[in-house]
Amino acid sequence: MTTVRASHILVKTEEEAKNLKQEIEQGKSFADVAMEVSLCPSGQDGGDLGYFGKGMMVKEFEDAAFSMNVGQISDPIKTQFGWHLIQLTDKQD
């Protein structure tokens, strides 16, 4: 079974997520941004969610995470919790 390891940043609006992605692309650390602004408790760990398999996360989040390449940062993803930026940090088959 494939598992992935991902970090994420959770915010309230798509605009905020887009702005944060731009800051990260300009060199700001994903983990630092997560610690500063993420609404999820994982923000304290730089957004790290650890490893997870299919069926463990909400569908929109899972679909995005499993379709990404390691090191990639997603466009904003909307779930029932808000808007996420996802960084895929590892993938294991």
PDB file of N, CA and C in Angstrom:
ATOM      1  N   MET A   1       0.834  -1.196   0.000  1.00  0.00           N
ATOM      2  CA  MET A   1       0.000   0.000   0.000  1.00  0.00           C
ATOM      3  C   MET A   1       0.874   1.254   0.000  1.00  0.00           C
ATOM      4  N   THR A   2       0.529   2.184  -0.836  1.00  0.00           N
ATOM      5  CA  THR A   2       1.271   3.437  -0.903  1.00  0.00           C
ATOM      6  C   THR A   2       0.902   4.328   0.275  1.00  0.00           C
ATOM      7  N   THR A   3       1.916   4.930   0.886  1.00  0.00           N
ATOM      8  CA  THR A   3       1.675   5.950   1.900  1.00  0.00           C
ATOM      9  C   THR A   3       2.449   7.194   1.491  1.00  0.00           C
ATOM     10  N   VAL A   4       1.970   8.332   1.944  1.00  0.00           N
ATOM     11  CA  VAL A   4       2.658   9.587   1.682  1.00  0.00           C
ATOM     12  C   VAL A   4       2.878  10.314   2.998  1.00  0.00           C
ATOM     13  N   ARG A   5       3.877  11.174   3.000  1.00  0.00           N
ATOM     14  CA  ARG A   5       4.100  12.052   4.141  1.00  0.00           C
ATOM     15  C   ARG A   5       3.944  13.473   3.623  1.00  0.00           C
ATOM     16  N   ALA A   6       3.138  14.230   4.321  1.00  0.00           N
ATOM     17  CA  ALA A   6       2.864  15.581   3.859  1.00  0.00           C
ATOM     18  C   ALA A   6       2.828  16.552   5.030  1.00  0.00           C
ATOM     19  N   SER A   7       3.101  17.800   4.686  1.00  0.00           N
ATOM     20  CA  SER A   7       2.896  18.897   5.615  1.00  0.00           C
ATOM     21  C   SER A   7       1.825  19.784   5.004  1.00  0.00           C
ATOM     22  N   HIS A   8       1.122  20.524   5.844  1.00  0.00           N
ATOM     23  CA  HIS A   8       0.136  21.435   5.273  1.00  0.00           C
ATOM     24  C   HIS A   8       0.018  22.697   6.106  1.00  0.00           C
ATOM     25  N   ILE A   9      -0.562  23.697   5.466  1.00  0.00           N
ATOM     26  CA  ILE A   9      -0.887  24.967   6.098  1.00  0.00           C
ATOM     27  C   ILE A   9      -2.383  25.148   5.890  1.00  0.00           C
ATOM     28  N   LEU A  10      -3.102  25.413   6.952  1.00  0.00           N
ATOM     29  CA  LEU A  10      -4.551  25.602   6.888  1.00  0.00           C
ATOM     30  C   LEU A  10      -4.882  27.057   7.197  1.00  0.00           C
ATOM     31  N   VAL A  11      -5.607  27.696   6.259  1.00  0.00           N
ATOM     32  CA  VAL A  11      -6.041  29.083   6.450  1.00  0.00           C
ATOM     33  C   VAL A  11      -7.512  29.207   6.059  1.00  0.00           C
ATOM     34  N   LYS A  12      -8.090  30.388   6.299  1.00  0.00           N
ATOM     35  CA  LYS A  12      -9.533  30.569   6.075  1.00  0.00           C
ATOM     36  C   LYS A  12      -9.900  30.885   4.633  1.00  0.00           C
ATOM     37  N   THR A  13      -9.015  31.552   3.876  1.00  0.00           N
ATOM     38  CA  THR A  13      -9.414  32.015   2.546  1.00  0.00           C
ATOM     39  C   THR A  13      -8.452  31.539   1.463  1.00  0.00           C
ATOM     40  N   GLU A  14      -8.986  31.418   0.252  1.00  0.00           N
ATOM     41  CA  GLU A  14      -8.166  31.041  -0.892  1.00  0.00           C
ATOM     42  C   GLU A  14      -7.106  32.109  -1.165  1.00  0.00           C
ATOM     43  N   GLU A  15      -7.494  33.367  -1.009  1.00  0.00           N
ATOM     44  CA  GLU A  15      -6.552  34.458  -1.261  1.00  0.00           C
ATOM     45  C   GLU A  15      -5.351  34.373  -0.325  1.00  0.00           C
ATOM     46  N   GLU A  16      -5.603  34.104   0.947  1.00  0.00           N
ATOM     47  CA  GLU A  16      -4.500  33.972   1.905  1.00  0.00           C
ATOM     48  C   GLU A  16      -3.594  32.808   1.513  1.00  0.00           C
ATOM     49  N   ALA A  17      -4.188  31.689   1.116  1.00  0.00           N
ATOM     50  CA  ALA A  17      -3.394  30.530   0.703  1.00  0.00           C
ATOM     51  C   ALA A  17      -2.532  30.860  -0.512  1.00  0.00           C
ATOM     52  N   LYS A  18      -3.102  31.573  -1.482  1.00  0.00           N
ATOM     53  CA  LYS A  18      -2.336  31.956  -2.677  1.00  0.00           C
ATOM     54  C   LYS A  18      -1.165  32.864  -2.317  1.00  0.00           C
ATOM     55  N   ASN A  19      -1.417  33.835  -1.423  1.00  0.00           N
ATOM     56  CA  ASN A  19      -0.352  34.749  -0.996  1.00  0.00           C
ATOM     57  C   ASN A  19       0.766  33.999  -0.285  1.00  0.00           C
ATOM     58  N   LEU A  20       0.395  33.045   0.567  1.00  0.00           N
ATOM     59  CA  LEU A  20       1.398  32.270   1.296  1.00  0.00           C
ATOM     60  C   LEU A  20       2.210  31.400   0.341  1.00  0.00           C
ATOM     61  N   LYS A  21       1.560  30.810  -0.658  1.00  0.00           N
ATOM     62  CA  LYS A  21       2.293  29.994  -1.631  1.00  0.00           C
ATOM     63  C   LYS A  21       3.338  30.844  -2.340  1.00  0.00           C
ATOM     64  N   GLN A  22       2.962  32.072  -2.669  1.00  0.00           N
ATOM     65  CA  GLN A  22       3.895  32.986  -3.335  1.00  0.00           C
ATOM     66  C   GLN A  22       5.096  33.273  -2.427  1.00  0.00           C
ATOM     67  N   GLU A  23       4.841  33.515  -1.144  1.00  0.00           N
ATOM     68  CA  GLU A  23       5.936  33.774  -0.193  1.00  0.00           C
ATOM     69  C   GLU A  23       6.883  32.573  -0.135  1.00  0.00           C
ATOM     70  N   ILE A  24       6.326  31.359  -0.118  1.00  0.00           N
ATOM     71  CA  ILE A  24       7.144  30.143  -0.049  1.00  0.00           C
ATOM     72  C   ILE A  24       7.957  29.987  -1.334  1.00  0.00           C
ATOM     73  N   GLU A  25       7.328  30.250  -2.475  1.00  0.00           N
ATOM     74  CA  GLU A  25       8.044  30.147  -3.748  1.00  0.00           C
ATOM     75  C   GLU A  25       9.171  31.171  -3.843  1.00  0.00           C
ATOM     76  N   GLN A  26       9.045  32.271  -3.098  1.00  0.00           N
ATOM     77  CA  GLN A  26      10.085  33.301  -3.086  1.00  0.00           C
ATOM     78  C   GLN A  26      11.146  33.033  -2.021  1.00  0.00           C
ATOM     79  N   GLY A  27      11.068  31.853  -1.384  1.00  0.00           N
ATOM     80  CA  GLY A  27      12.158  31.460  -0.498  1.00  0.00           C
ATOM     81  C   GLY A  27      11.830  31.305   0.968  1.00  0.00           C
ATOM     82  N   LYS A  28      10.625  31.650   1.379  1.00  0.00           N
ATOM     83  CA  LYS A  28      10.275  31.465   2.789  1.00  0.00           C
ATOM     84  C   LYS A  28      10.052  29.977   3.060  1.00  0.00           C
ATOM     85  N   SER A  29      10.468  29.515   4.222  1.00  0.00           N
ATOM     86  CA  SER A  29      10.341  28.100   4.580  1.00  0.00           C
ATOM     87  C   SER A  29       8.879  27.723   4.812  1.00  0.00           C
ATOM     88  N   PHE A  30       8.462  26.596   4.199  1.00  0.00           N
ATOM     89  CA  PHE A  30       7.099  26.093   4.375  1.00  0.00           C
ATOM     90  C   PHE A  30       6.811  25.899   5.866  1.00  0.00           C
ATOM     91  N   ALA A  31       7.760  25.293   6.580  1.00  0.00           N
ATOM     92  CA  ALA A  31       7.569  25.020   8.010  1.00  0.00           C
ATOM     93  C   ALA A  31       7.415  26.309   8.811  1.00  0.00           C
ATOM     94  N   ASP A  32       8.203  27.328   8.475  1.00  0.00           N
ATOM     95  CA  ASP A  32       8.099  28.605   9.191  1.00  0.00           C
ATOM     96  C   ASP A  32       6.724  29.237   8.983  1.00  0.00           C
ATOM     97  N   VAL A  33       6.247  29.209   7.741  1.00  0.00           N
ATOM     98  CA  VAL A  33       4.925  29.769   7.448  1.00  0.00           C
ATOM     99  C   VAL A  33       3.853  28.986   8.203  1.00  0.00           C
ATOM    100  N   ALA A  34       3.972  27.660   8.216  1.00  0.00           N
ATOM    101  CA  ALA A  34       3.007  26.828   8.944  1.00  0.00           C
ATOM    102  C   ALA A  34       2.975  27.203  10.428  1.00  0.00           C
ATOM    103  N   MET A  35       4.147  27.375  11.017  1.00  0.00           N
ATOM    104  CA  MET A  35       4.215  27.710  12.448  1.00  0.00           C
ATOM    105  C   MET A  35       3.605  29.084  12.725  1.00  0.00           C
ATOM    106  N   GLU A  36       3.768  30.009  11.766  1.00  0.00           N
ATOM    107  CA  GLU A  36       3.274  31.372  11.965  1.00  0.00           C
ATOM    108  C   GLU A  36       1.764  31.491  11.781  1.00  0.00           C
ATOM    109  N   VAL A  37       1.192  30.815  10.784  1.00  0.00           N
ATOM    110  CA  VAL A  37      -0.192  31.123  10.420  1.00  0.00           C
ATOM    111  C   VAL A  37      -1.170  29.956  10.378  1.00  0.00           C
ATOM    112  N   SER A  38      -0.704  28.711  10.363  1.00  0.00           N
ATOM    113  CA  SER A  38      -1.636  27.596  10.172  1.00  0.00           C
ATOM    114  C   SER A  38      -2.633  27.496  11.312  1.00  0.00           C
ATOM    115  N   LEU A  39      -3.899  27.274  10.953  1.00  0.00           N
ATOM    116  CA  LEU A  39      -4.967  27.125  11.937  1.00  0.00           C
ATOM    117  C   LEU A  39      -5.043  25.701  12.495  1.00  0.00           C
ATOM    118  N   CYS A  40      -4.257  24.795  11.931  1.00  0.00           N
ATOM    119  CA  CYS A  40      -4.253  23.398  12.383  1.00  0.00           C
ATOM    120  C   CYS A  40      -3.204  23.229  13.477  1.00  0.00           C
ATOM    121  N   PRO A  41      -3.470  22.400  14.492  1.00  0.00           N
ATOM    122  CA  PRO A  41      -2.469  22.145  15.531  1.00  0.00           C
ATOM    123  C   PRO A  41      -1.131  21.648  14.977  1.00  0.00           C
ATOM    124  N   SER A  42      -1.148  21.013  13.795  1.00  0.00           N
ATOM    125  CA  SER A  42       0.101  20.535  13.197  1.00  0.00           C
ATOM    126  C   SER A  42       1.041  21.682  12.853  1.00  0.00           C
ATOM    127  N   GLY A  43       0.521  22.893  12.809  1.00  0.00           N
ATOM    128  CA  GLY A  43       1.367  24.057  12.528  1.00  0.00           C
ATOM    129  C   GLY A  43       2.547  24.154  13.476  1.00  0.00           C
ATOM    130  N   GLN A  44       2.338  23.739  14.726  1.00  0.00           N
ATOM    131  CA  GLN A  44       3.422  23.778  15.710  1.00  0.00           C
ATOM    132  C   GLN A  44       4.574  22.854  15.330  1.00  0.00           C
ATOM    133  N   ASP A  45       4.285  21.846  14.496  1.00  0.00           N
ATOM    134  CA  ASP A  45       5.310  20.921  13.999  1.00  0.00           C
ATOM    135  C   ASP A  45       5.711  21.275  12.572  1.00  0.00           C
ATOM    136  N   GLY A  46       5.531  22.536  12.190  1.00  0.00           N
ATOM    137  CA  GLY A  46       5.854  22.953  10.832  1.00  0.00           C
ATOM    138  C   GLY A  46       4.866  22.424   9.810  1.00  0.00           C
ATOM    139  N   GLY A  47       3.700  22.006  10.291  1.00  0.00           N
ATOM    140  CA  GLY A  47       2.654  21.502   9.407  1.00  0.00           C
ATOM    141  C   GLY A  47       2.729  20.014   9.130  1.00  0.00           C
ATOM    142  N   ASP A  48       3.717  19.342   9.704  1.00  0.00           N
ATOM    143  CA  ASP A  48       3.933  17.915   9.405  1.00  0.00           C
ATOM    144  C   ASP A  48       2.775  17.059   9.905  1.00  0.00           C
ATOM    145  N   LEU A  49       2.203  16.262   8.990  1.00  0.00           N
ATOM    146  CA  LEU A  49       1.112  15.351   9.342  1.00  0.00           C
ATOM    147  C   LEU A  49       1.590  13.907   9.461  1.00  0.00           C
ATOM    148  N   GLY A  50       2.869  13.667   9.189  1.00  0.00           N
ATOM    149  CA  GLY A  50       3.393  12.309   9.220  1.00  0.00           C
ATOM    150  C   GLY A  50       2.921  11.526   7.999  1.00  0.00           C
ATOM    151  N   TYR A  51       3.059  10.207   8.081  1.00  0.00           N
ATOM    152  CA  TYR A  51       2.665   9.334   6.971  1.00  0.00           C
ATOM    153  C   TYR A  51       1.194   8.963   7.086  1.00  0.00           C
ATOM    154  N   PHE A  52       0.526   8.865   5.941  1.00  0.00           N
ATOM    155  CA  PHE A  52      -0.858   8.402   5.931  1.00  0.00           C
ATOM    156  C   PHE A  52      -1.150   7.681   4.626  1.00  0.00           C
ATOM    157  N   GLY A  53      -2.117   6.780   4.716  1.00  0.00           N
ATOM    158  CA  GLY A  53      -2.549   6.023   3.544  1.00  0.00           C
ATOM    159  C   GLY A  53      -3.895   6.531   3.061  1.00  0.00           C
ATOM    160  N   LYS A  54      -4.386   5.904   2.015  1.00  0.00           N
ATOM    161  CA  LYS A  54      -5.693   6.295   1.472  1.00  0.00           C
ATOM    162  C   LYS A  54      -6.785   5.986   2.496  1.00  0.00           C
ATOM    163  N   GLY A  55      -7.771   6.869   2.540  1.00  0.00           N
ATOM    164  CA  GLY A  55      -8.885   6.695   3.455  1.00  0.00           C
ATOM    165  C   GLY A  55      -8.682   7.325   4.817  1.00  0.00           C
ATOM    166  N   MET A  56      -7.537   7.978   5.027  1.00  0.00           N
ATOM    167  CA  MET A  56      -7.246   8.557   6.344  1.00  0.00           C
ATOM    168  C   MET A  56      -7.492  10.064   6.411  1.00  0.00           C
ATOM    169  N   MET A  57      -7.588  10.702   5.248  1.00  0.00           N
ATOM    170  CA  MET A  57      -7.789  12.153   5.197  1.00  0.00           C
ATOM    171  C   MET A  57      -9.064  12.437   4.403  1.00  0.00           C
ATOM    172  N   VAL A  58      -9.566  13.668   4.502  1.00  0.00           N
ATOM    173  CA  VAL A  58     -10.738  14.014   3.696  1.00  0.00           C
ATOM    174  C   VAL A  58     -10.375  13.890   2.221  1.00  0.00           C
ATOM    175  N   LYS A  59     -11.356  13.556   1.392  1.00  0.00           N
ATOM    176  CA  LYS A  59     -11.127  13.197  -0.001  1.00  0.00           C
ATOM    177  C   LYS A  59     -10.337  14.233  -0.789  1.00  0.00           C
ATOM    178  N   GLU A  60     -10.707  15.511  -0.695  1.00  0.00           N
ATOM    179  CA  GLU A  60     -10.040  16.539  -1.490  1.00  0.00           C
ATOM    180  C   GLU A  60      -8.546  16.608  -1.134  1.00  0.00           C
ATOM    181  N   PHE A  61      -8.267  16.506   0.145  1.00  0.00           N
ATOM    182  CA  PHE A  61      -6.881  16.574   0.626  1.00  0.00           C
ATOM    183  C   PHE A  61      -6.116  15.343   0.150  1.00  0.00           C
ATOM    184  N   GLU A  62      -6.711  14.182   0.335  1.00  0.00           N
ATOM    185  CA  GLU A  62      -6.077  12.928  -0.057  1.00  0.00           C
ATOM    186  C   GLU A  62      -5.814  12.883  -1.568  1.00  0.00           C
ATOM    187  N   ASP A  63      -6.809  13.257  -2.365  1.00  0.00           N
ATOM    188  CA  ASP A  63      -6.644  13.240  -3.824  1.00  0.00           C
ATOM    189  C   ASP A  63      -5.460  14.096  -4.239  1.00  0.00           C
ATOM    190  N   ALA A  64      -5.343  15.271  -3.647  1.00  0.00           N
ATOM    191  CA  ALA A  64      -4.238  16.166  -3.983  1.00  0.00           C
ATOM    192  C   ALA A  64      -2.905  15.561  -3.548  1.00  0.00           C
ATOM    193  N   ALA A  65      -2.826  15.105  -2.305  1.00  0.00           N
ATOM    194  CA  ALA A  65      -1.560  14.594  -1.773  1.00  0.00           C
ATOM    195  C   ALA A  65      -1.048  13.401  -2.579  1.00  0.00           C
ATOM    196  N   PHE A  66      -1.937  12.484  -2.948  1.00  0.00           N
ATOM    197  CA  PHE A  66      -1.502  11.282  -3.657  1.00  0.00           C
ATOM    198  C   PHE A  66      -1.181  11.543  -5.128  1.00  0.00           C
ATOM    199  N   SER A  67      -1.569  12.706  -5.651  1.00  0.00           N
ATOM    200  CA  SER A  67      -1.270  13.010  -7.052  1.00  0.00           C
ATOM    201  C   SER A  67      -0.017  13.872  -7.205  1.00  0.00           C
ATOM    202  N   MET A  68       0.592  14.251  -6.088  1.00  0.00           N
ATOM    203  CA  MET A  68       1.748  15.153  -6.129  1.00  0.00           C
ATOM    204  C   MET A  68       3.069  14.391  -6.198  1.00  0.00           C
ATOM    205  N   ASN A  69       4.112  15.133  -6.585  1.00  0.00           N
ATOM    206  CA  ASN A  69       5.478  14.613  -6.548  1.00  0.00           C
ATOM    207  C   ASN A  69       6.151  15.099  -5.274  1.00  0.00           C
ATOM    208  N   VAL A  70       7.096  14.342  -4.763  1.00  0.00           N
ATOM    209  CA  VAL A  70       7.825  14.727  -3.550  1.00  0.00           C
ATOM    210  C   VAL A  70       8.493  16.083  -3.773  1.00  0.00           C
ATOM    211  N   GLY A  71       8.316  16.960  -2.792  1.00  0.00           N
ATOM    212  CA  GLY A  71       8.893  18.301  -2.868  1.00  0.00           C
ATOM    213  C   GLY A  71       7.934  19.340  -3.427  1.00  0.00           C
ATOM    214  N   GLN A  72       6.887  18.885  -4.064  1.00  0.00           N
ATOM    215  CA  GLN A  72       5.932  19.795  -4.693  1.00  0.00           C
ATOM    216  C   GLN A  72       5.032  20.450  -3.648  1.00  0.00           C
ATOM    217  N   ILE A  73       4.612  21.683  -3.941  1.00  0.00           N
ATOM    218  CA  ILE A  73       3.644  22.394  -3.101  1.00  0.00           C
ATOM    219  C   ILE A  73       2.385  22.595  -3.932  1.00  0.00           C
ATOM    220  N   SER A  74       1.251  22.227  -3.363  1.00  0.00           N
ATOM    221  CA  SER A  74      -0.022  22.283  -4.099  1.00  0.00           C
ATOM    222  C   SER A  74      -0.501  23.710  -4.284  1.00  0.00           C
ATOM    223  N   ASP A  75      -1.425  23.869  -5.219  1.00  0.00           N
ATOM    224  CA  ASP A  75      -2.237  25.072  -5.264  1.00  0.00           C
ATOM    225  C   ASP A  75      -3.208  24.957  -4.094  1.00  0.00           C
ATOM    226  N   PRO A  76      -3.890  26.046  -3.729  1.00  0.00           N
ATOM    227  CA  PRO A  76      -4.846  25.958  -2.617  1.00  0.00           C
ATOM    228  C   PRO A  76      -5.912  24.889  -2.855  1.00  0.00           C
ATOM    229  N   ILE A  77      -6.166  24.070  -1.826  1.00  0.00           N
ATOM    230  CA  ILE A  77      -7.151  22.986  -1.859  1.00  0.00           C
ATOM    231  C   ILE A  77      -8.243  23.312  -0.839  1.00  0.00           C
ATOM    232  N   LYS A  78      -9.501  23.295  -1.278  1.00  0.00           N
ATOM    233  CA  LYS A  78     -10.599  23.593  -0.350  1.00  0.00           C
ATOM    234  C   LYS A  78     -11.160  22.300   0.241  1.00  0.00           C
ATOM    235  N   THR A  79     -11.309  22.288   1.565  1.00  0.00           N
ATOM    236  CA  THR A  79     -11.993  21.188   2.260  1.00  0.00           C
ATOM    237  C   THR A  79     -13.000  21.809   3.228  1.00  0.00           C
ATOM    238  N   GLN A  80     -13.679  20.955   3.968  1.00  0.00           N
ATOM    239  CA  GLN A  80     -14.639  21.460   4.963  1.00  0.00           C
ATOM    240  C   GLN A  80     -13.943  22.253   6.068  1.00  0.00           C
ATOM    241  N   PHE A  81     -12.628  22.117   6.190  1.00  0.00           N
ATOM    242  CA  PHE A  81     -11.878  22.787   7.261  1.00  0.00           C
ATOM    243  C   PHE A  81     -11.376  24.167   6.856  1.00  0.00           C
ATOM    244  N   GLY A  82     -11.304  24.426   5.547  1.00  0.00           N
ATOM    245  CA  GLY A  82     -10.767  25.696   5.063  1.00  0.00           C
ATOM    246  C   GLY A  82      -9.923  25.451   3.823  1.00  0.00           C
ATOM    247  N   TRP A  83      -8.903  26.265   3.647  1.00  0.00           N
ATOM    248  CA  TRP A  83      -8.021  26.174   2.476  1.00  0.00           C
ATOM    249  C   TRP A  83      -6.647  25.672   2.916  1.00  0.00           C
ATOM    250  N   HIS A  84      -6.130  24.706   2.189  1.00  0.00           N
ATOM    251  CA  HIS A  84      -4.840  24.093   2.522  1.00  0.00           C
ATOM    252  C   HIS A  84      -3.817  24.340   1.426  1.00  0.00           C
ATOM    253  N   LEU A  85      -2.572  24.487   1.851  1.00  0.00           N
ATOM    254  CA  LEU A  85      -1.427  24.306   0.968  1.00  0.00           C
ATOM    255  C   LEU A  85      -0.782  23.014   1.449  1.00  0.00           C
ATOM    256  N   ILE A  86      -0.471  22.130   0.541  1.00  0.00           N
ATOM    257  CA  ILE A  86       0.123  20.852   0.905  1.00  0.00           C
ATOM    258  C   ILE A  86       1.529  20.767   0.313  1.00  0.00           C
ATOM    259  N   GLN A  87       2.461  20.316   1.118  1.00  0.00           N
ATOM    260  CA  GLN A  87       3.817  20.030   0.632  1.00  0.00           C
ATOM    261  C   GLN A  87       4.040  18.537   0.821  1.00  0.00           C
ATOM    262  N   LEU A  88       4.287  17.841  -0.279  1.00  0.00           N
ATOM    263  CA  LEU A  88       4.549  16.404  -0.192  1.00  0.00           C
ATOM    264  C   LEU A  88       6.022  16.211   0.151  1.00  0.00           C
ATOM    265  N   THR A  89       6.292  15.534   1.276  1.00  0.00           N
ATOM    266  CA  THR A  89       7.682  15.385   1.724  1.00  0.00           C
ATOM    267  C   THR A  89       8.243  13.978   1.493  1.00  0.00           C
ATOM    268  N   ASP A  90       7.367  12.984   1.298  1.00  0.00           N
ATOM    269  CA  ASP A  90       7.868  11.624   1.006  1.00  0.00           C
ATOM    270  C   ASP A  90       6.716  10.786   0.476  1.00  0.00           C
ATOM    271  N   LYS A  91       7.084   9.729  -0.270  1.00  0.00           N
ATOM    272  CA  LYS A  91       6.082   8.786  -0.791  1.00  0.00           C
ATOM    273  C   LYS A  91       6.718   7.411  -0.719  1.00  0.00           C
ATOM    274  N   GLN A  92       5.984   6.424  -0.168  1.00  0.00           N
ATOM    275  CA  GLN A  92       6.491   5.063  -0.062  1.00  0.00           C
ATOM    276  C   GLN A  92       5.480   4.089  -0.646  1.00  0.00           C
ATOM    277  N   ASP A  93       5.986   3.186  -1.489  1.00  0.00           N
ATOM    278  CA  ASP A  93       5.113   2.154  -2.080  1.00  0.00           C
ATOM    279  C   ASP A  93       5.211   0.869  -1.313  1.00  0.00           C
TER     280      ASP A  93
END
